[in-house]
Amino acid sequence: MKRFLEDTKARIVQWLGQRASRDINFVDRLCRRLLDRVLRLPPENDFLRDEWVDSDVGFDPDELDRYQRGETE
């Protein structure tokens, strides 16, 4: 019985992945949203997030202009 449930679960996940990758109709988009919601990591467990990058406010306009002109400082 346990093997049957694991096989069924694997088939369902594979079907969801195939449907989510198509993105043709409403069911495909629904599958994509479902997989995104289930597989999304909480921010505190996401090892790819970088606090320094997330907190960066970006270039100010003068700094961006100097960078685009090739000035170093």
PDB file of N, CA and C in Angstrom:
ATOM      1  N   MET A   1       0.831  -1.199   0.000  1.00  0.00           N
ATOM      2  CA  MET A   1       0.000   0.000   0.000  1.00  0.00           C
ATOM      3  C   MET A   1       0.874   1.261   0.000  1.00  0.00           C
ATOM      4  N   LYS A   2       1.968   1.241   0.797  1.00  0.00           N
ATOM      5  CA  LYS A   2       2.844   2.401   0.868  1.00  0.00           C
ATOM      6  C   LYS A   2       3.488   2.664  -0.495  1.00  0.00           C
ATOM      7  N   ARG A   3       3.901   1.610  -1.162  1.00  0.00           N
ATOM      8  CA  ARG A   3       4.518   1.735  -2.495  1.00  0.00           C
ATOM      9  C   ARG A   3       3.513   2.333  -3.490  1.00  0.00           C
ATOM     10  N   PHE A   4       2.270   1.918  -3.409  1.00  0.00           N
ATOM     11  CA  PHE A   4       1.227   2.440  -4.292  1.00  0.00           C
ATOM     12  C   PHE A   4       1.040   3.940  -4.084  1.00  0.00           C
ATOM     13  N   LEU A   5       1.024   4.372  -2.817  1.00  0.00           N
ATOM     14  CA  LEU A   5       0.852   5.793  -2.527  1.00  0.00           C
ATOM     15  C   LEU A   5       2.037   6.608  -3.031  1.00  0.00           C
ATOM     16  N   GLU A   6       3.257   6.083  -2.872  1.00  0.00           N
ATOM     17  CA  GLU A   6       4.439   6.795  -3.355  1.00  0.00           C
ATOM     18  C   GLU A   6       4.424   6.910  -4.877  1.00  0.00           C
ATOM     19  N   ASP A   7       4.041   5.827  -5.552  1.00  0.00           N
ATOM     20  CA  ASP A   7       3.958   5.860  -7.015  1.00  0.00           C
ATOM     21  C   ASP A   7       2.891   6.837  -7.488  1.00  0.00           C
ATOM     22  N   THR A   8       1.759   6.837  -6.820  1.00  0.00           N
ATOM     23  CA  THR A   8       0.677   7.746  -7.186  1.00  0.00           C
ATOM     24  C   THR A   8       1.096   9.196  -6.966  1.00  0.00           C
ATOM     25  N   LYS A   9       1.752   9.453  -5.848  1.00  0.00           N
ATOM     26  CA  LYS A   9       2.221  10.806  -5.563  1.00  0.00           C
ATOM     27  C   LYS A   9       3.238  11.257  -6.617  1.00  0.00           C
ATOM     28  N   ALA A  10       4.130  10.369  -7.014  1.00  0.00           N
ATOM     29  CA  ALA A  10       5.123  10.704  -8.038  1.00  0.00           C
ATOM     30  C   ALA A  10       4.454  10.996  -9.376  1.00  0.00           C
ATOM     31  N   ARG A  11       3.438  10.229  -9.724  1.00  0.00           N
ATOM     32  CA  ARG A  11       2.719  10.469 -10.985  1.00  0.00           C
ATOM     33  C   ARG A  11       1.994  11.816 -10.964  1.00  0.00           C
ATOM     34  N   ILE A  12       1.403  12.143  -9.836  1.00  0.00           N
ATOM     35  CA  ILE A  12       0.685  13.421  -9.721  1.00  0.00           C
ATOM     36  C   ILE A  12       1.658  14.589  -9.839  1.00  0.00           C
ATOM     37  N   VAL A  13       2.805  14.496  -9.166  1.00  0.00           N
ATOM     38  CA  VAL A  13       3.796  15.573  -9.231  1.00  0.00           C
ATOM     39  C   VAL A  13       4.332  15.712 -10.652  1.00  0.00           C
ATOM     40  N   GLN A  14       4.580  14.603 -11.322  1.00  0.00           N
ATOM     41  CA  GLN A  14       5.055  14.654 -12.700  1.00  0.00           C
ATOM     42  C   GLN A  14       3.993  15.281 -13.608  1.00  0.00           C
ATOM     43  N   TRP A  15       2.747  14.912 -13.423  1.00  0.00           N
ATOM     44  CA  TRP A  15       1.663  15.487 -14.219  1.00  0.00           C
ATOM     45  C   TRP A  15       1.561  16.991 -13.980  1.00  0.00           C
ATOM     46  N   LEU A  16       1.650  17.404 -12.696  1.00  0.00           N
ATOM     47  CA  LEU A  16       1.594  18.830 -12.380  1.00  0.00           C
ATOM     48  C   LEU A  16       2.742  19.576 -13.042  1.00  0.00           C
ATOM     49  N   GLY A  17       3.942  19.006 -12.989  1.00  0.00           N
ATOM     50  CA  GLY A  17       5.095  19.651 -13.612  1.00  0.00           C
ATOM     51  C   GLY A  17       4.947  19.782 -15.113  1.00  0.00           C
ATOM     52  N   GLN A  18       4.435  18.751 -15.749  1.00  0.00           N
ATOM     53  CA  GLN A  18       4.225  18.811 -17.196  1.00  0.00           C
ATOM     54  C   GLN A  18       3.179  19.860 -17.552  1.00  0.00           C
ATOM     55  N   ARG A  19       2.099  19.901 -16.807  1.00  0.00           N
ATOM     56  CA  ARG A  19       1.046  20.881 -17.096  1.00  0.00           C
ATOM     57  C   ARG A  19       1.539  22.300 -16.822  1.00  0.00           C
ATOM     58  N   ALA A  20       2.303  22.477 -15.747  1.00  0.00           N
ATOM     59  CA  ALA A  20       2.790  23.811 -15.404  1.00  0.00           C
ATOM     60  C   ALA A  20       3.770  24.332 -16.449  1.00  0.00           C
ATOM     61  N   SER A  21       4.517  23.450 -17.083  1.00  0.00           N
ATOM     62  CA  SER A  21       5.498  23.904 -18.069  1.00  0.00           C
ATOM     63  C   SER A  21       4.845  24.284 -19.393  1.00  0.00           C
ATOM     64  N   ARG A  22       3.621  23.839 -19.654  1.00  0.00           N
ATOM     65  CA  ARG A  22       2.962  24.145 -20.926  1.00  0.00           C
ATOM     66  C   ARG A  22       2.438  25.573 -20.978  1.00  0.00           C
ATOM     67  N   ASP A  23       1.742  26.007 -19.933  1.00  0.00           N
ATOM     68  CA  ASP A  23       1.180  27.360 -19.830  1.00  0.00           C
ATOM     69  C   ASP A  23       0.307  27.719 -21.038  1.00  0.00           C
ATOM     70  N   ILE A  24      -0.608  26.835 -21.377  1.00  0.00           N
ATOM     71  CA  ILE A  24      -1.500  27.070 -22.516  1.00  0.00           C
ATOM     72  C   ILE A  24      -2.880  27.526 -22.053  1.00  0.00           C
ATOM     73  N   ASN A  25      -3.417  26.879 -21.036  1.00  0.00           N
ATOM     74  CA  ASN A  25      -4.781  27.214 -20.621  1.00  0.00           C
ATOM     75  C   ASN A  25      -4.828  27.448 -19.107  1.00  0.00           C
ATOM     76  N   PHE A  26      -6.027  27.616 -18.600  1.00  0.00           N
ATOM     77  CA  PHE A  26      -6.217  27.948 -17.191  1.00  0.00           C
ATOM     78  C   PHE A  26      -5.685  26.864 -16.254  1.00  0.00           C
ATOM     79  N   VAL A  27      -5.905  25.596 -16.592  1.00  0.00           N
ATOM     80  CA  VAL A  27      -5.440  24.496 -15.734  1.00  0.00           C
ATOM     81  C   VAL A  27      -3.916  24.507 -15.640  1.00  0.00           C
ATOM     82  N   ASP A  28      -3.229  24.812 -16.745  1.00  0.00           N
ATOM     83  CA  ASP A  28      -1.770  24.884 -16.733  1.00  0.00           C
ATOM     84  C   ASP A  28      -1.290  25.995 -15.805  1.00  0.00           C
ATOM     85  N   ARG A  29      -1.927  27.153 -15.882  1.00  0.00           N
ATOM     86  CA  ARG A  29      -1.539  28.264 -15.003  1.00  0.00           C
ATOM     87  C   ARG A  29      -1.857  27.946 -13.546  1.00  0.00           C
ATOM     88  N   LEU A  30      -2.956  27.254 -13.311  1.00  0.00           N
ATOM     89  CA  LEU A  30      -3.312  26.842 -11.958  1.00  0.00           C
ATOM     90  C   LEU A  30      -2.267  25.870 -11.400  1.00  0.00           C
ATOM     91  N   CYS A  31      -1.823  24.934 -12.221  1.00  0.00           N
ATOM     92  CA  CYS A  31      -0.777  23.991 -11.794  1.00  0.00           C
ATOM     93  C   CYS A  31       0.515  24.728 -11.482  1.00  0.00           C
ATOM     94  N   ARG A  32       0.849  25.732 -12.293  1.00  0.00           N
ATOM     95  CA  ARG A  32       2.070  26.507 -12.051  1.00  0.00           C
ATOM     96  C   ARG A  32       1.984  27.249 -10.720  1.00  0.00           C
ATOM     97  N   ARG A  33       0.836  27.866 -10.443  1.00  0.00           N
ATOM     98  CA  ARG A  33       0.672  28.581  -9.171  1.00  0.00           C
ATOM     99  C   ARG A  33       0.730  27.625  -7.984  1.00  0.00           C
ATOM    100  N   LEU A  34       0.122  26.453  -8.146  1.00  0.00           N
ATOM    101  CA  LEU A  34       0.133  25.458  -7.080  1.00  0.00           C
ATOM    102  C   LEU A  34       1.555  24.995  -6.786  1.00  0.00           C
ATOM    103  N   LEU A  35       2.306  24.666  -7.821  1.00  0.00           N
ATOM    104  CA  LEU A  35       3.689  24.230  -7.619  1.00  0.00           C
ATOM    105  C   LEU A  35       4.543  25.348  -7.037  1.00  0.00           C
ATOM    106  N   ASP A  36       4.332  26.570  -7.493  1.00  0.00           N
ATOM    107  CA  ASP A  36       5.096  27.695  -6.960  1.00  0.00           C
ATOM    108  C   ASP A  36       4.826  27.881  -5.474  1.00  0.00           C
ATOM    109  N   ARG A  37       3.585  27.742  -5.092  1.00  0.00           N
ATOM    110  CA  ARG A  37       3.222  27.917  -3.685  1.00  0.00           C
ATOM    111  C   ARG A  37       3.771  26.793  -2.809  1.00  0.00           C
ATOM    112  N   VAL A  38       3.732  25.564  -3.322  1.00  0.00           N
ATOM    113  CA  VAL A  38       4.192  24.413  -2.547  1.00  0.00           C
ATOM    114  C   VAL A  38       5.714  24.386  -2.438  1.00  0.00           C
ATOM    115  N   LEU A  39       6.410  24.759  -3.507  1.00  0.00           N
ATOM    116  CA  LEU A  39       7.863  24.626  -3.543  1.00  0.00           C
ATOM    117  C   LEU A  39       8.616  25.867  -3.078  1.00  0.00           C
ATOM    118  N   ARG A  40       7.917  26.965  -2.831  1.00  0.00           N
ATOM    119  CA  ARG A  40       8.588  28.192  -2.402  1.00  0.00           C
ATOM    120  C   ARG A  40       9.163  28.026  -0.997  1.00  0.00           C
ATOM    121  N   LEU A  41      10.430  28.395  -0.850  1.00  0.00           N
ATOM    122  CA  LEU A  41      11.085  28.312   0.452  1.00  0.00           C
ATOM    123  C   LEU A  41      10.783  29.564   1.260  1.00  0.00           C
ATOM    124  N   PRO A  42      10.654  29.420   2.575  1.00  0.00           N
ATOM    125  CA  PRO A  42      10.531  30.623   3.392  1.00  0.00           C
ATOM    126  C   PRO A  42      11.840  31.413   3.324  1.00  0.00           C
ATOM    127  N   PRO A  43      11.786  32.733   3.383  1.00  0.00           N
ATOM    128  CA  PRO A  43      13.000  33.542   3.218  1.00  0.00           C
ATOM    129  C   PRO A  43      14.117  33.177   4.194  1.00  0.00           C
ATOM    130  N   GLU A  44      13.778  32.775   5.393  1.00  0.00           N
ATOM    131  CA  GLU A  44      14.829  32.448   6.366  1.00  0.00           C
ATOM    132  C   GLU A  44      15.544  31.142   6.034  1.00  0.00           C
ATOM    133  N   ASN A  45      14.951  30.278   5.221  1.00  0.00           N
ATOM    134  CA  ASN A  45      15.584  29.012   4.838  1.00  0.00           C
ATOM    135  C   ASN A  45      16.152  29.038   3.429  1.00  0.00           C
ATOM    136  N   ASP A  46      16.025  30.145   2.731  1.00  0.00           N
ATOM    137  CA  ASP A  46      16.500  30.229   1.352  1.00  0.00           C
ATOM    138  C   ASP A  46      17.977  30.597   1.359  1.00  0.00           C
ATOM    139  N   PHE A  47      18.839  29.625   1.060  1.00  0.00           N
ATOM    140  CA  PHE A  47      20.276  29.855   1.125  1.00  0.00           C
ATOM    141  C   PHE A  47      20.778  30.699  -0.047  1.00  0.00           C
ATOM    142  N   LEU A  48      19.972  30.900  -1.070  1.00  0.00           N
ATOM    143  CA  LEU A  48      20.397  31.710  -2.209  1.00  0.00           C
ATOM    144  C   LEU A  48      20.143  33.199  -1.998  1.00  0.00           C
ATOM    145  N   ARG A  49      19.367  33.548  -1.008  1.00  0.00           N
ATOM    146  CA  ARG A  49      19.107  34.962  -0.737  1.00  0.00           C
ATOM    147  C   ARG A  49      20.311  35.574  -0.058  1.00  0.00           C
ATOM    148  N   ASP A  50      20.600  36.777  -0.420  1.00  0.00           N
ATOM    149  CA  ASP A  50      21.722  37.498   0.157  1.00  0.00           C
ATOM    150  C   ASP A  50      21.170  38.767   0.806  1.00  0.00           C
ATOM    151  N   GLU A  51      21.346  38.897   2.105  1.00  0.00           N
ATOM    152  CA  GLU A  51      20.797  40.047   2.821  1.00  0.00           C
ATOM    153  C   GLU A  51      21.400  41.349   2.317  1.00  0.00           C
ATOM    154  N   TRP A  52      22.670  41.317   1.968  1.00  0.00           N
ATOM    155  CA  TRP A  52      23.333  42.527   1.494  1.00  0.00           C
ATOM    156  C   TRP A  52      22.718  43.001   0.180  1.00  0.00           C
ATOM    157  N   VAL A  53      22.434  42.065  -0.719  1.00  0.00           N
ATOM    158  CA  VAL A  53      21.827  42.420  -2.004  1.00  0.00           C
ATOM    159  C   VAL A  53      20.381  42.863  -1.802  1.00  0.00           C
ATOM    160  N   ASP A  54      19.646  42.186  -0.935  1.00  0.00           N
ATOM    161  CA  ASP A  54      18.247  42.550  -0.699  1.00  0.00           C
ATOM    162  C   ASP A  54      18.104  43.935  -0.082  1.00  0.00           C
ATOM    163  N   SER A  55      19.057  44.346   0.741  1.00  0.00           N
ATOM    164  CA  SER A  55      18.953  45.633   1.418  1.00  0.00           C
ATOM    165  C   SER A  55      19.535  46.774   0.594  1.00  0.00           C
ATOM    166  N   ASP A  56      20.169  46.479  -0.538  1.00  0.00           N
ATOM    167  CA  ASP A  56      20.787  47.512  -1.363  1.00  0.00           C
ATOM    168  C   ASP A  56      19.704  48.364  -2.020  1.00  0.00           C
ATOM    169  N   VAL A  57      19.883  49.679  -1.957  1.00  0.00           N
ATOM    170  CA  VAL A  57      18.908  50.583  -2.558  1.00  0.00           C
ATOM    171  C   VAL A  57      19.238  50.883  -4.010  1.00  0.00           C
ATOM    172  N   GLY A  58      20.387  50.453  -4.486  1.00  0.00           N
ATOM    173  CA  GLY A  58      20.752  50.660  -5.887  1.00  0.00           C
ATOM    174  C   GLY A  58      21.581  51.913  -6.075  1.00  0.00           C
ATOM    175  N   PHE A  59      21.772  52.271  -7.320  1.00  0.00           N
ATOM    176  CA  PHE A  59      22.562  53.452  -7.663  1.00  0.00           C
ATOM    177  C   PHE A  59      21.736  54.712  -7.459  1.00  0.00           C
ATOM    178  N   ASP A  60      22.393  55.777  -6.993  1.00  0.00           N
ATOM    179  CA  ASP A  60      21.736  57.071  -7.078  1.00  0.00           C
ATOM    180  C   ASP A  60      22.001  57.604  -8.491  1.00  0.00           C
ATOM    181  N   PRO A  61      21.240  58.565  -8.974  1.00  0.00           N
ATOM    182  CA  PRO A  61      21.370  58.997 -10.378  1.00  0.00           C
ATOM    183  C   PRO A  61      22.770  59.491 -10.745  1.00  0.00           C
ATOM    184  N   ASP A  62      23.421  60.225  -9.839  1.00  0.00           N
ATOM    185  CA  ASP A  62      24.773  60.721 -10.142  1.00  0.00           C
ATOM    186  C   ASP A  62      25.775  59.576 -10.223  1.00  0.00           C
ATOM    187  N   GLU A  63      25.667  58.636  -9.309  1.00  0.00           N
ATOM    188  CA  GLU A  63      26.571  57.490  -9.313  1.00  0.00           C
ATOM    189  C   GLU A  63      26.373  56.654 -10.581  1.00  0.00           C
ATOM    190  N   LEU A  64      25.143  56.473 -10.997  1.00  0.00           N
ATOM    191  CA  LEU A  64      24.858  55.721 -12.214  1.00  0.00           C
ATOM    192  C   LEU A  64      25.415  56.442 -13.441  1.00  0.00           C
ATOM    193  N   ASP A  65      25.282  57.747 -13.485  1.00  0.00           N
ATOM    194  CA  ASP A  65      25.816  58.520 -14.606  1.00  0.00           C
ATOM    195  C   ASP A  65      27.338  58.396 -14.668  1.00  0.00           C
ATOM    196  N   ARG A  66      28.018  58.510 -13.529  1.00  0.00           N
ATOM    197  CA  ARG A  66      29.480  58.353 -13.497  1.00  0.00           C
ATOM    198  C   ARG A  66      29.889  56.957 -13.935  1.00  0.00           C
ATOM    199  N   TYR A  67      29.148  55.950 -13.502  1.00  0.00           N
ATOM    200  CA  TYR A  67      29.463  54.566 -13.877  1.00  0.00           C
ATOM    201  C   TYR A  67      29.308  54.358 -15.385  1.00  0.00           C
ATOM    202  N   GLN A  68      28.252  54.919 -15.957  1.00  0.00           N
ATOM    203  CA  GLN A  68      28.014  54.746 -17.388  1.00  0.00           C
ATOM    204  C   GLN A  68      29.046  55.481 -18.238  1.00  0.00           C
ATOM    205  N   ARG A  69      29.605  56.570 -17.701  1.00  0.00           N
ATOM    206  CA  ARG A  69      30.653  57.289 -18.435  1.00  0.00           C
ATOM    207  C   ARG A  69      32.022  56.650 -18.232  1.00  0.00           C
ATOM    208  N   GLY A  70      32.139  55.704 -17.320  1.00  0.00           N
ATOM    209  CA  GLY A  70      33.399  54.997 -17.105  1.00  0.00           C
ATOM    210  C   GLY A  70      34.305  55.631 -16.072  1.00  0.00           C
ATOM    211  N   GLU A  71      33.803  56.583 -15.320  1.00  0.00           N
ATOM    212  CA  GLU A  71      34.618  57.216 -14.284  1.00  0.00           C
ATOM    213  C   GLU A  71      34.739  56.280 -13.093  1.00  0.00           C
ATOM    214  N   THR A  72      35.923  56.248 -12.489  1.00  0.00           N
ATOM    215  CA  THR A  72      36.126  55.350 -11.354  1.00  0.00           C
ATOM    216  C   THR A  72      35.806  56.031 -10.039  1.00  0.00           C
ATOM    217  N   GLU A  73      36.149  57.255  -9.853  1.00  0.00           N
ATOM    218  CA  GLU A  73      35.810  57.983  -8.616  1.00  0.00           C
ATOM    219  C   GLU A  73      35.946  59.443  -8.809  1.00  0.00           C
TER     220      GLU A  73
END
